[in-house]
Amino acid sequence: MPHSMSRRCDGILGQRANRLDSLQATFSPARLRLYKLDITQRFTMNTIRRIVTQGMCVLAIVAIQIYPAAAVNTSEAHRSVAPYFVPAGAAPKAPDTDGFIQRWLLLEPINKPNRTNTMFTGTYVRNAFNTEYFPGQFSVVPNDGDKVTVGNQELMWHALDSTGFNVKLFRFAYGLNKPTYGVIFWAVTVIDCPREMKNVRLAAGSNSASIWWVNGKEAVDLFDDRRMVMDDVVSKRLTLNKGRNIIRGAVINGPGLSDFCVRFIDENGDPVRDITVNLGSSGSNGDDSAVQSDF
């Protein structure tokens, strides 16, 4: 026991002894014995309680100083795009049962600071997307792992399969420890059609504003501050040629979450499922002649 605590205990016991001397004249021997036992038990329990409380306080302070940094570092180290994405496989992938395209090449976000999404008018969004951030942004279909330089950013393309019908761009950026707000995302995919498909439409939804191109021609635009809604905007009728067709999209977002969903629908509004996504043919230029627009 520390010297200071020992002295305190001696003082308390001395006070109790003096009180006992004064009570011996009035208490019977039996009652005096019970009083002594009660004093001893209360003193012992109070002392133990103080020791335990002080010890727990010391341990809590040590834990606060040691473990928060380790916990934060562990969380940062274990960030991942899972469970929202998995690496794209080598085999061609069909759309999901509702026709949504889940396999995409996604570029890590480009910094584009915006304090609010209310500024995403058509003029603002078109100017933002028409700015050349990297060579071939409207023509090259990249390979997984390709890198581009945008200002002082070195950004990588990732070939991924979304585990949901919508592509969660916020989770993509967050999982890679990249900026999640005030950014532009670029997305590219390659659709293989088994035959010529006439009168299909591209249906898209995004959070926030976006523009989508099919084989180099603009098909859909979504402006203003908006939530992602399935088939929010539908293109005019398109004819997809047999074979390779390229879909390219750009999504801009300020504060808040960001995602998109894209699919083709037929003349009756039913999903087109008889297509596959094949990124094995990436790494080349798009062919604008592969798609026709029927007005």
C-alpha atoms as a PDB file:
ATOM      1  CA  MET A   1       0.000   0.000   0.000  1.00  0.00           C
ATOM      2  CA  PRO A   2       1.377   3.495  -0.849  1.00  0.00           C
ATOM      3  CA  HIS A   3       2.730   5.494   2.090  1.00  0.00           C
ATOM      4  CA  SER A   4       0.107   8.280   1.702  1.00  0.00           C
ATOM      5  CA  MET A   5      -2.757   5.762   1.726  1.00  0.00           C
ATOM      6  CA  SER A   6      -1.222   4.024   4.770  1.00  0.00           C
ATOM      7  CA  ARG A   7      -1.102   7.317   6.672  1.00  0.00           C
ATOM      8  CA  ARG A   8      -4.705   8.042   5.700  1.00  0.00           C
ATOM      9  CA  CYS A   9      -5.820   4.616   6.911  1.00  0.00           C
ATOM     10  CA  ASP A  10      -3.956   5.107  10.227  1.00  0.00           C
ATOM     11  CA  GLY A  11      -5.692   8.448  10.718  1.00  0.00           C
ATOM     12  CA  ILE A  12      -9.150   7.051   9.994  1.00  0.00           C
ATOM     13  CA  LEU A  13      -8.555   4.068  12.286  1.00  0.00           C
ATOM     14  CA  GLY A  14      -7.333   6.408  15.003  1.00  0.00           C
ATOM     15  CA  GLN A  15     -10.534   8.448  14.768  1.00  0.00           C
ATOM     16  CA  ARG A  16     -12.600   5.251  14.972  1.00  0.00           C
ATOM     17  CA  ALA A  17     -10.567   4.091  18.017  1.00  0.00           C
ATOM     18  CA  ASN A  18     -11.206   7.352  19.858  1.00  0.00           C
ATOM     19  CA  ARG A  19     -14.901   7.039  19.152  1.00  0.00           C
ATOM     20  CA  LEU A  20     -14.896   3.434  20.383  1.00  0.00           C
ATOM     21  CA  ASP A  21     -13.296   4.523  23.685  1.00  0.00           C
ATOM     22  CA  SER A  22     -16.133   6.999  24.209  1.00  0.00           C
ATOM     23  CA  LEU A  23     -18.786   4.373  23.407  1.00  0.00           C
ATOM     24  CA  GLN A  24     -17.449   1.604  25.638  1.00  0.00           C
ATOM     25  CA  ALA A  25     -19.058   3.225  28.652  1.00  0.00           C
ATOM     26  CA  THR A  26     -22.540   3.193  27.079  1.00  0.00           C
ATOM     27  CA  PHE A  27     -22.589   0.116  24.741  1.00  0.00           C
ATOM     28  CA  SER A  28     -22.958  -3.450  25.990  1.00  0.00           C
ATOM     29  CA  PRO A  29     -20.099  -5.820  24.996  1.00  0.00           C
ATOM     30  CA  ALA A  30     -22.285  -7.578  22.396  1.00  0.00           C
ATOM     31  CA  ARG A  31     -23.418  -4.326  20.775  1.00  0.00           C
ATOM     32  CA  LEU A  32     -19.864  -2.990  20.840  1.00  0.00           C
ATOM     33  CA  ARG A  33     -18.623  -6.072  18.974  1.00  0.00           C
ATOM     34  CA  LEU A  34     -21.273  -5.550  16.238  1.00  0.00           C
ATOM     35  CA  TYR A  35     -20.320  -1.874  15.933  1.00  0.00           C
ATOM     36  CA  LYS A  36     -16.619  -2.768  15.520  1.00  0.00           C
ATOM     37  CA  LEU A  37     -17.489  -5.362  12.835  1.00  0.00           C
ATOM     38  CA  ASP A  38     -19.657  -2.859  10.929  1.00  0.00           C
ATOM     39  CA  ILE A  39     -16.906  -0.223  11.008  1.00  0.00           C
ATOM     40  CA  THR A  40     -14.308  -2.702   9.772  1.00  0.00           C
ATOM     41  CA  GLN A  41     -16.497  -3.948   6.904  1.00  0.00           C
ATOM     42  CA  ARG A  42     -17.474  -0.462   5.749  1.00  0.00           C
ATOM     43  CA  PHE A  43     -13.880   0.759   5.874  1.00  0.00           C
ATOM     44  CA  THR A  44     -12.668  -2.287   3.932  1.00  0.00           C
ATOM     45  CA  MET A  45     -15.347  -1.965   1.211  1.00  0.00           C
ATOM     46  CA  ASN A  46     -14.803   1.780   0.794  1.00  0.00           C
ATOM     47  CA  THR A  47     -11.063   1.271   0.500  1.00  0.00           C
ATOM     48  CA  ILE A  48     -11.476  -1.483  -2.102  1.00  0.00           C
ATOM     49  CA  ARG A  49     -13.983   0.636  -4.034  1.00  0.00           C
ATOM     50  CA  ARG A  50     -11.559   3.585  -4.173  1.00  0.00           C
ATOM     51  CA  ILE A  51      -8.689   1.366  -5.311  1.00  0.00           C
ATOM     52  CA  VAL A  52     -10.766  -0.294  -8.054  1.00  0.00           C
ATOM     53  CA  THR A  53     -12.196   3.049  -9.253  1.00  0.00           C
ATOM     54  CA  GLN A  54      -8.766   4.659  -9.439  1.00  0.00           C
ATOM     55  CA  GLY A  55      -7.377   1.635 -11.272  1.00  0.00           C
ATOM     56  CA  MET A  56     -10.178   1.663 -13.833  1.00  0.00           C
ATOM     57  CA  CYS A  57      -9.667   5.379 -14.461  1.00  0.00           C
ATOM     58  CA  VAL A  58      -5.962   4.810 -15.112  1.00  0.00           C
ATOM     59  CA  LEU A  59      -6.714   1.956 -17.529  1.00  0.00           C
ATOM     60  CA  ALA A  60      -9.334   4.041 -19.340  1.00  0.00           C
ATOM     61  CA  ILE A  61      -6.890   6.924 -19.816  1.00  0.00           C
ATOM     62  CA  VAL A  62      -4.203   4.564 -21.147  1.00  0.00           C
ATOM     63  CA  ALA A  63      -6.692   2.937 -23.529  1.00  0.00           C
ATOM     64  CA  ILE A  64      -7.882   6.305 -24.859  1.00  0.00           C
ATOM     65  CA  GLN A  65      -4.290   7.358 -25.531  1.00  0.00           C
ATOM     66  CA  ILE A  66      -3.201   4.112 -27.187  1.00  0.00           C
ATOM     67  CA  TYR A  67      -6.103   2.598 -29.086  1.00  0.00           C
ATOM     68  CA  PRO A  68      -7.987   5.337 -31.021  1.00  0.00           C
ATOM     69  CA  ALA A  69      -5.176   5.894 -33.506  1.00  0.00           C
ATOM     70  CA  ALA A  70      -4.779   2.170 -33.967  1.00  0.00           C
ATOM     71  CA  ALA A  71      -8.520   1.774 -34.521  1.00  0.00           C
ATOM     72  CA  VAL A  72      -8.602   4.560 -37.115  1.00  0.00           C
ATOM     73  CA  ASN A  73      -5.553   3.172 -38.890  1.00  0.00           C
ATOM     74  CA  THR A  74      -7.097  -0.285 -38.951  1.00  0.00           C
ATOM     75  CA  SER A  75     -10.334   1.113 -40.428  1.00  0.00           C
ATOM     76  CA  GLU A  76      -8.437   3.040 -43.091  1.00  0.00           C
ATOM     77  CA  ALA A  77      -6.262   0.041 -43.946  1.00  0.00           C
ATOM     78  CA  HIS A  78      -9.281  -2.231 -44.418  1.00  0.00           C
ATOM     79  CA  ARG A  79     -11.290   0.057 -46.709  1.00  0.00           C
ATOM     80  CA  SER A  80     -12.539  -1.794 -49.738  1.00  0.00           C
ATOM     81  CA  VAL A  81     -15.091  -1.522 -52.530  1.00  0.00           C
ATOM     82  CA  ALA A  82     -16.667  -4.743 -51.213  1.00  0.00           C
ATOM     83  CA  PRO A  83     -19.474  -5.677 -50.805  1.00  0.00           C
ATOM     84  CA  TYR A  84     -20.692  -3.210 -53.427  1.00  0.00           C
ATOM     85  CA  PHE A  85     -18.281  -4.371 -56.156  1.00  0.00           C
ATOM     86  CA  VAL A  86     -16.286  -7.416 -57.162  1.00  0.00           C
ATOM     87  CA  PRO A  87     -13.520  -7.569 -59.792  1.00  0.00           C
ATOM     88  CA  ALA A  88     -14.853  -8.084 -63.294  1.00  0.00           C
ATOM     89  CA  GLY A  89     -14.378 -11.623 -64.541  1.00  0.00           C
ATOM     90  CA  ALA A  90     -12.902 -12.683 -67.862  1.00  0.00           C
ATOM     91  CA  ALA A  91     -16.089 -14.294 -69.186  1.00  0.00           C
ATOM     92  CA  PRO A  92     -18.753 -12.070 -70.776  1.00  0.00           C
ATOM     93  CA  LYS A  93     -21.473 -10.987 -68.353  1.00  0.00           C
ATOM     94  CA  ALA A  94     -25.176 -10.688 -69.089  1.00  0.00           C
ATOM     95  CA  PRO A  95     -27.294  -7.909 -67.582  1.00  0.00           C
ATOM     96  CA  ASP A  96     -29.251  -8.730 -64.432  1.00  0.00           C
ATOM     97  CA  THR A  97     -32.825 -10.028 -64.630  1.00  0.00           C
ATOM     98  CA  ASP A  98     -34.142  -6.474 -65.075  1.00  0.00           C
ATOM     99  CA  GLY A  99     -31.634  -5.691 -67.823  1.00  0.00           C
ATOM    100  CA  PHE A 100     -29.351  -3.426 -65.768  1.00  0.00           C
ATOM    101  CA  ILE A 101     -25.722  -3.311 -66.826  1.00  0.00           C
ATOM    102  CA  GLN A 102     -23.492  -4.127 -63.865  1.00  0.00           C
ATOM    103  CA  ARG A 103     -20.017  -4.436 -65.415  1.00  0.00           C
ATOM    104  CA  TRP A 104     -18.141  -1.170 -65.904  1.00  0.00           C
ATOM    105  CA  LEU A 105     -14.724   0.364 -66.226  1.00  0.00           C
ATOM    106  CA  LEU A 106     -14.724   3.149 -63.631  1.00  0.00           C
ATOM    107  CA  LEU A 107     -12.135   5.906 -63.416  1.00  0.00           C
ATOM    108  CA  GLU A 108     -11.135   7.113 -59.977  1.00  0.00           C
ATOM    109  CA  PRO A 109     -12.873  10.447 -59.290  1.00  0.00           C
ATOM    110  CA  ILE A 110     -11.632  13.682 -60.818  1.00  0.00           C
ATOM    111  CA  ASN A 111     -11.618  16.615 -58.400  1.00  0.00           C
ATOM    112  CA  LYS A 112     -14.284  19.170 -59.337  1.00  0.00           C
ATOM    113  CA  PRO A 113     -15.167  21.162 -56.187  1.00  0.00           C
ATOM    114  CA  ASN A 114     -18.834  22.142 -55.972  1.00  0.00           C
ATOM    115  CA  ARG A 115     -20.451  23.402 -52.770  1.00  0.00           C
ATOM    116  CA  THR A 116     -23.958  22.590 -53.982  1.00  0.00           C
ATOM    117  CA  ASN A 117     -25.674  20.425 -56.578  1.00  0.00           C
ATOM    118  CA  THR A 118     -28.169  23.146 -57.484  1.00  0.00           C
ATOM    119  CA  MET A 119     -25.677  24.642 -59.935  1.00  0.00           C
ATOM    120  CA  PHE A 120     -25.815  21.599 -62.253  1.00  0.00           C
ATOM    121  CA  THR A 121     -27.692  23.279 -65.078  1.00  0.00           C
ATOM    122  CA  GLY A 122     -27.378  21.997 -68.612  1.00  0.00           C
ATOM    123  CA  THR A 123     -24.842  24.674 -69.513  1.00  0.00           C
ATOM    124  CA  TYR A 124     -22.693  24.041 -66.442  1.00  0.00           C
ATOM    125  CA  VAL A 125     -22.709  20.255 -66.843  1.00  0.00           C
ATOM    126  CA  ARG A 126     -21.936  20.338 -70.558  1.00  0.00           C
ATOM    127  CA  ASN A 127     -19.021  22.713 -69.992  1.00  0.00           C
ATOM    128  CA  ALA A 128     -17.723  20.485 -67.205  1.00  0.00           C
ATOM    129  CA  PHE A 129     -17.900  17.314 -69.312  1.00  0.00           C
ATOM    130  CA  ASN A 130     -16.605  18.917 -72.524  1.00  0.00           C
ATOM    131  CA  THR A 131     -13.416  19.945 -70.731  1.00  0.00           C
ATOM    132  CA  GLU A 132     -10.623  17.597 -71.741  1.00  0.00           C
ATOM    133  CA  TYR A 133      -9.309  16.009 -68.545  1.00  0.00           C
ATOM    134  CA  PHE A 134      -7.256  13.266 -70.199  1.00  0.00           C
ATOM    135  CA  PRO A 135      -6.423  12.264 -73.790  1.00  0.00           C
ATOM    136  CA  GLY A 136      -9.059  10.224 -75.601  1.00  0.00           C
ATOM    137  CA  GLN A 137     -11.722  10.633 -72.927  1.00  0.00           C
ATOM    138  CA  PHE A 138     -14.458  10.357 -75.608  1.00  0.00           C
ATOM    139  CA  SER A 139     -12.837   7.636 -77.715  1.00  0.00           C
ATOM    140  CA  VAL A 140     -10.527   5.256 -75.855  1.00  0.00           C
ATOM    141  CA  VAL A 141     -11.926   2.205 -74.094  1.00  0.00           C
ATOM    142  CA  PRO A 142      -9.347   1.600 -71.346  1.00  0.00           C
ATOM    143  CA  ASN A 143      -8.013  -1.600 -69.851  1.00  0.00           C
ATOM    144  CA  ASP A 144      -8.284  -2.465 -66.189  1.00  0.00           C
ATOM    145  CA  GLY A 145      -5.366  -0.804 -64.404  1.00  0.00           C
ATOM    146  CA  ASP A 146      -4.688   1.838 -67.062  1.00  0.00           C
ATOM    147  CA  LYS A 147      -3.726   5.219 -65.609  1.00  0.00           C
ATOM    148  CA  VAL A 148      -4.338   8.797 -66.691  1.00  0.00           C
ATOM    149  CA  THR A 149      -3.055  12.084 -65.333  1.00  0.00           C
ATOM    150  CA  VAL A 150      -5.550  14.857 -64.617  1.00  0.00           C
ATOM    151  CA  GLY A 151      -3.821  17.975 -63.281  1.00  0.00           C
ATOM    152  CA  ASN A 152      -1.886  16.781 -60.240  1.00  0.00           C
ATOM    153  CA  GLN A 153      -3.938  13.574 -59.943  1.00  0.00           C
ATOM    154  CA  GLU A 154      -2.842  10.172 -61.207  1.00  0.00           C
ATOM    155  CA  LEU A 155      -6.029   8.162 -61.637  1.00  0.00           C
ATOM    156  CA  MET A 156      -6.600   4.486 -62.406  1.00  0.00           C
ATOM    157  CA  TRP A 157      -9.311   2.645 -64.283  1.00  0.00           C
ATOM    158  CA  HIS A 158     -10.968  -0.266 -62.461  1.00  0.00           C
ATOM    159  CA  ALA A 159     -12.914  -3.070 -64.154  1.00  0.00           C
ATOM    160  CA  LEU A 160     -15.668  -3.971 -61.688  1.00  0.00           C
ATOM    161  CA  ASP A 161     -18.992  -5.749 -61.407  1.00  0.00           C
ATOM    162  CA  SER A 162     -21.584  -3.995 -59.294  1.00  0.00           C
ATOM    163  CA  THR A 163     -23.315  -6.388 -56.906  1.00  0.00           C
ATOM    164  CA  GLY A 164     -26.521  -4.357 -57.170  1.00  0.00           C
ATOM    165  CA  PHE A 165     -28.515  -3.037 -60.099  1.00  0.00           C
ATOM    166  CA  ASN A 166     -27.112   0.446 -59.438  1.00  0.00           C
ATOM    167  CA  VAL A 167     -23.441   1.391 -59.496  1.00  0.00           C
ATOM    168  CA  LYS A 168     -22.595   3.048 -56.187  1.00  0.00           C
ATOM    169  CA  LEU A 169     -19.971   5.624 -57.116  1.00  0.00           C
ATOM    170  CA  PHE A 170     -19.722   7.004 -53.580  1.00  0.00           C
ATOM    171  CA  ARG A 171     -18.829   3.521 -52.281  1.00  0.00           C
ATOM    172  CA  PHE A 172     -16.364   3.064 -55.127  1.00  0.00           C
ATOM    173  CA  ALA A 173     -14.511   6.271 -54.217  1.00  0.00           C
ATOM    174  CA  TYR A 174     -14.744   5.729 -50.466  1.00  0.00           C
ATOM    175  CA  GLY A 175     -13.467   2.162 -50.728  1.00  0.00           C
ATOM    176  CA  LEU A 176     -10.378   3.382 -52.613  1.00  0.00           C
ATOM    177  CA  ASN A 177      -9.726   6.253 -50.167  1.00  0.00           C
ATOM    178  CA  LYS A 178     -10.487   8.774 -52.900  1.00  0.00           C
ATOM    179  CA  PRO A 179     -12.516  12.011 -52.730  1.00  0.00           C
ATOM    180  CA  THR A 180     -16.255  11.356 -52.513  1.00  0.00           C
ATOM    181  CA  TYR A 181     -17.642  14.907 -52.833  1.00  0.00           C
ATOM    182  CA  GLY A 182     -17.036  17.557 -55.475  1.00  0.00           C
ATOM    183  CA  VAL A 183     -16.000  15.061 -58.138  1.00  0.00           C
ATOM    184  CA  ILE A 184     -16.592  13.787 -61.673  1.00  0.00           C
ATOM    185  CA  PHE A 185     -16.772  10.064 -62.417  1.00  0.00           C
ATOM    186  CA  TRP A 186     -16.186   8.548 -65.858  1.00  0.00           C
ATOM    187  CA  ALA A 187     -17.645   5.147 -66.719  1.00  0.00           C
ATOM    188  CA  VAL A 188     -17.211   2.985 -69.836  1.00  0.00           C
ATOM    189  CA  THR A 189     -18.543  -0.415 -70.843  1.00  0.00           C
ATOM    190  CA  VAL A 190     -18.689  -2.546 -74.006  1.00  0.00           C
ATOM    191  CA  ILE A 191     -21.906  -4.278 -75.048  1.00  0.00           C
ATOM    192  CA  ASP A 192     -21.922  -7.198 -77.482  1.00  0.00           C
ATOM    193  CA  CYS A 193     -25.158  -7.651 -79.412  1.00  0.00           C
ATOM    194  CA  PRO A 194     -25.840 -11.028 -81.079  1.00  0.00           C
ATOM    195  CA  ARG A 195     -27.734  -9.291 -83.883  1.00  0.00           C
ATOM    196  CA  GLU A 196     -28.808  -5.848 -85.012  1.00  0.00           C
ATOM    197  CA  MET A 197     -31.282  -4.379 -82.522  1.00  0.00           C
ATOM    198  CA  LYS A 198     -33.656  -1.685 -83.740  1.00  0.00           C
ATOM    199  CA  ASN A 199     -35.868   0.653 -81.748  1.00  0.00           C
ATOM    200  CA  VAL A 200     -34.190   0.096 -78.395  1.00  0.00           C
ATOM    201  CA  ARG A 201     -33.777   2.916 -75.903  1.00  0.00           C
ATOM    202  CA  LEU A 202     -31.139   3.703 -73.320  1.00  0.00           C
ATOM    203  CA  ALA A 203     -32.753   4.286 -69.908  1.00  0.00           C
ATOM    204  CA  ALA A 204     -30.663   5.906 -67.171  1.00  0.00           C
ATOM    205  CA  GLY A 205     -30.886   7.355 -63.693  1.00  0.00           C
ATOM    206  CA  SER A 206     -28.160   9.135 -61.773  1.00  0.00           C
ATOM    207  CA  ASN A 207     -27.287  11.052 -58.641  1.00  0.00           C
ATOM    208  CA  SER A 208     -26.457  13.790 -59.418  1.00  0.00           C
ATOM    209  CA  ALA A 209     -26.225  15.109 -63.020  1.00  0.00           C
ATOM    210  CA  SER A 210     -24.890  12.989 -65.879  1.00  0.00           C
ATOM    211  CA  ILE A 211     -24.604  12.550 -69.657  1.00  0.00           C
ATOM    212  CA  TRP A 212     -24.494   9.187 -71.462  1.00  0.00           C
ATOM    213  CA  TRP A 213     -23.139   8.427 -74.928  1.00  0.00           C
ATOM    214  CA  VAL A 214     -23.650   5.354 -77.106  1.00  0.00           C
ATOM    215  CA  ASN A 215     -20.849   4.792 -79.585  1.00  0.00           C
ATOM    216  CA  GLY A 216     -19.746   8.394 -79.386  1.00  0.00           C
ATOM    217  CA  LYS A 217     -23.173   9.996 -79.783  1.00  0.00           C
ATOM    218  CA  GLU A 218     -25.039  11.606 -76.919  1.00  0.00           C
ATOM    219  CA  ALA A 219     -28.082   9.546 -75.986  1.00  0.00           C
ATOM    220  CA  VAL A 220     -29.264  10.788 -72.582  1.00  0.00           C
ATOM    221  CA  ASP A 221     -28.673  13.815 -70.356  1.00  0.00           C
ATOM    222  CA  LEU A 222     -29.775  14.320 -66.757  1.00  0.00           C
ATOM    223  CA  PHE A 223     -29.311  17.814 -65.338  1.00  0.00           C
ATOM    224  CA  ASP A 224     -29.960  19.642 -62.053  1.00  0.00           C
ATOM    225  CA  ASP A 225     -29.787  18.282 -58.508  1.00  0.00           C
ATOM    226  CA  ARG A 226     -31.488  14.896 -58.615  1.00  0.00           C
ATOM    227  CA  ARG A 227     -31.798  11.540 -56.929  1.00  0.00           C
ATOM    228  CA  MET A 228     -31.137   8.309 -58.788  1.00  0.00           C
ATOM    229  CA  VAL A 229     -34.417   6.937 -60.143  1.00  0.00           C
ATOM    230  CA  MET A 230     -34.703   3.869 -62.364  1.00  0.00           C
ATOM    231  CA  ASP A 231     -35.372   4.881 -66.011  1.00  0.00           C
ATOM    232  CA  ASP A 232     -35.434   8.530 -64.963  1.00  0.00           C
ATOM    233  CA  VAL A 233     -34.623   9.613 -68.519  1.00  0.00           C
ATOM    234  CA  VAL A 234     -35.060   7.500 -71.662  1.00  0.00           C
ATOM    235  CA  SER A 235     -33.312   8.118 -74.981  1.00  0.00           C
ATOM    236  CA  LYS A 236     -34.831   8.352 -78.418  1.00  0.00           C
ATOM    237  CA  ARG A 237     -34.983   5.113 -80.415  1.00  0.00           C
ATOM    238  CA  LEU A 238     -31.587   3.633 -81.195  1.00  0.00           C
ATOM    239  CA  THR A 239     -30.363   0.902 -83.502  1.00  0.00           C
ATOM    240  CA  LEU A 240     -27.496  -1.130 -82.101  1.00  0.00           C
ATOM    241  CA  ASN A 241     -25.457  -2.992 -84.691  1.00  0.00           C
ATOM    242  CA  LYS A 242     -24.496  -6.604 -84.334  1.00  0.00           C
ATOM    243  CA  GLY A 243     -21.302  -6.906 -82.297  1.00  0.00           C
ATOM    244  CA  ARG A 244     -19.521  -4.268 -80.248  1.00  0.00           C
ATOM    245  CA  ASN A 245     -21.222  -1.126 -78.898  1.00  0.00           C
ATOM    246  CA  ILE A 246     -19.670   1.294 -76.449  1.00  0.00           C
ATOM    247  CA  ILE A 247     -21.502   3.077 -73.651  1.00  0.00           C
ATOM    248  CA  ARG A 248     -19.760   5.989 -71.992  1.00  0.00           C
ATOM    249  CA  GLY A 249     -21.018   8.093 -69.109  1.00  0.00           C
ATOM    250  CA  ALA A 250     -19.945  10.969 -66.897  1.00  0.00           C
ATOM    251  CA  VAL A 251     -21.508  11.752 -63.517  1.00  0.00           C
ATOM    252  CA  ILE A 252     -20.874  14.947 -61.564  1.00  0.00           C
ATOM    253  CA  ASN A 253     -21.651  15.360 -57.883  1.00  0.00           C
ATOM    254  CA  GLY A 254     -21.103  17.912 -55.134  1.00  0.00           C
ATOM    255  CA  PRO A 255     -22.095  16.991 -51.571  1.00  0.00           C
ATOM    256  CA  GLY A 256     -24.007  13.773 -50.943  1.00  0.00           C
ATOM    257  CA  LEU A 257     -24.099  10.256 -52.307  1.00  0.00           C
ATOM    258  CA  SER A 258     -23.569   9.408 -55.963  1.00  0.00           C
ATOM    259  CA  ASP A 259     -24.665   6.453 -58.094  1.00  0.00           C
ATOM    260  CA  PHE A 260     -26.246   5.499 -61.421  1.00  0.00           C
ATOM    261  CA  CYS A 261     -28.200   2.760 -63.167  1.00  0.00           C
ATOM    262  CA  VAL A 262     -28.315   2.070 -66.912  1.00  0.00           C
ATOM    263  CA  ARG A 263     -30.142  -0.440 -69.101  1.00  0.00           C
ATOM    264  CA  PHE A 264     -31.645  -0.842 -72.550  1.00  0.00           C
ATOM    265  CA  ILE A 265     -35.387  -1.302 -73.040  1.00  0.00           C
ATOM    266  CA  ASP A 266     -37.300  -2.398 -76.127  1.00  0.00           C
ATOM    267  CA  GLU A 267     -40.304  -0.869 -77.890  1.00  0.00           C
ATOM    268  CA  ASN A 268     -42.626  -2.215 -75.205  1.00  0.00           C
ATOM    269  CA  GLY A 269     -40.551  -0.912 -72.321  1.00  0.00           C
ATOM    270  CA  ASP A 270     -39.302  -4.379 -71.429  1.00  0.00           C
ATOM    271  CA  PRO A 271     -35.625  -4.880 -70.500  1.00  0.00           C
ATOM    272  CA  VAL A 272     -33.207  -6.019 -73.188  1.00  0.00           C
ATOM    273  CA  ARG A 273     -31.418  -9.077 -71.801  1.00  0.00           C
ATOM    274  CA  ASP A 274     -30.090 -10.645 -74.985  1.00  0.00           C
ATOM    275  CA  ILE A 275     -26.777  -8.794 -74.774  1.00  0.00           C
ATOM    276  CA  THR A 276     -23.509  -9.333 -72.922  1.00  0.00           C
ATOM    277  CA  VAL A 277     -20.824  -7.102 -71.478  1.00  0.00           C
ATOM    278  CA  ASN A 278     -17.352  -7.998 -72.689  1.00  0.00           C
ATOM    279  CA  LEU A 279     -14.461  -5.824 -71.515  1.00  0.00           C
ATOM    280  CA  GLY A 280     -11.988  -8.139 -73.220  1.00  0.00           C
ATOM    281  CA  SER A 281     -12.209  -5.948 -76.321  1.00  0.00           C
ATOM    282  CA  SER A 282     -11.261  -2.807 -74.385  1.00  0.00           C
ATOM    283  CA  GLY A 283      -8.132  -0.794 -74.999  1.00  0.00           C
ATOM    284  CA  SER A 284      -9.124   0.538 -78.427  1.00  0.00           C
ATOM    285  CA  ASN A 285     -11.052   3.392 -79.977  1.00  0.00           C
ATOM    286  CA  GLY A 286     -14.818   3.617 -80.173  1.00  0.00           C
ATOM    287  CA  ASP A 287     -16.696   3.313 -83.466  1.00  0.00           C
ATOM    288  CA  ASP A 288     -19.283   6.046 -83.864  1.00  0.00           C
ATOM    289  CA  SER A 289     -20.800   4.332 -86.901  1.00  0.00           C
ATOM    290  CA  ALA A 290     -22.047   1.358 -84.896  1.00  0.00           C
ATOM    291  CA  VAL A 291     -25.171   3.097 -83.720  1.00  0.00           C
ATOM    292  CA  GLN A 292     -27.938   4.948 -85.488  1.00  0.00           C
ATOM    293  CA  SER A 293     -30.549   7.243 -84.012  1.00  0.00           C
ATOM    294  CA  ASP A 294     -34.070   7.042 -85.376  1.00  0.00           C
ATOM    295  CA  PHE A 295     -35.958  10.291 -84.726  1.00  0.00           C
END
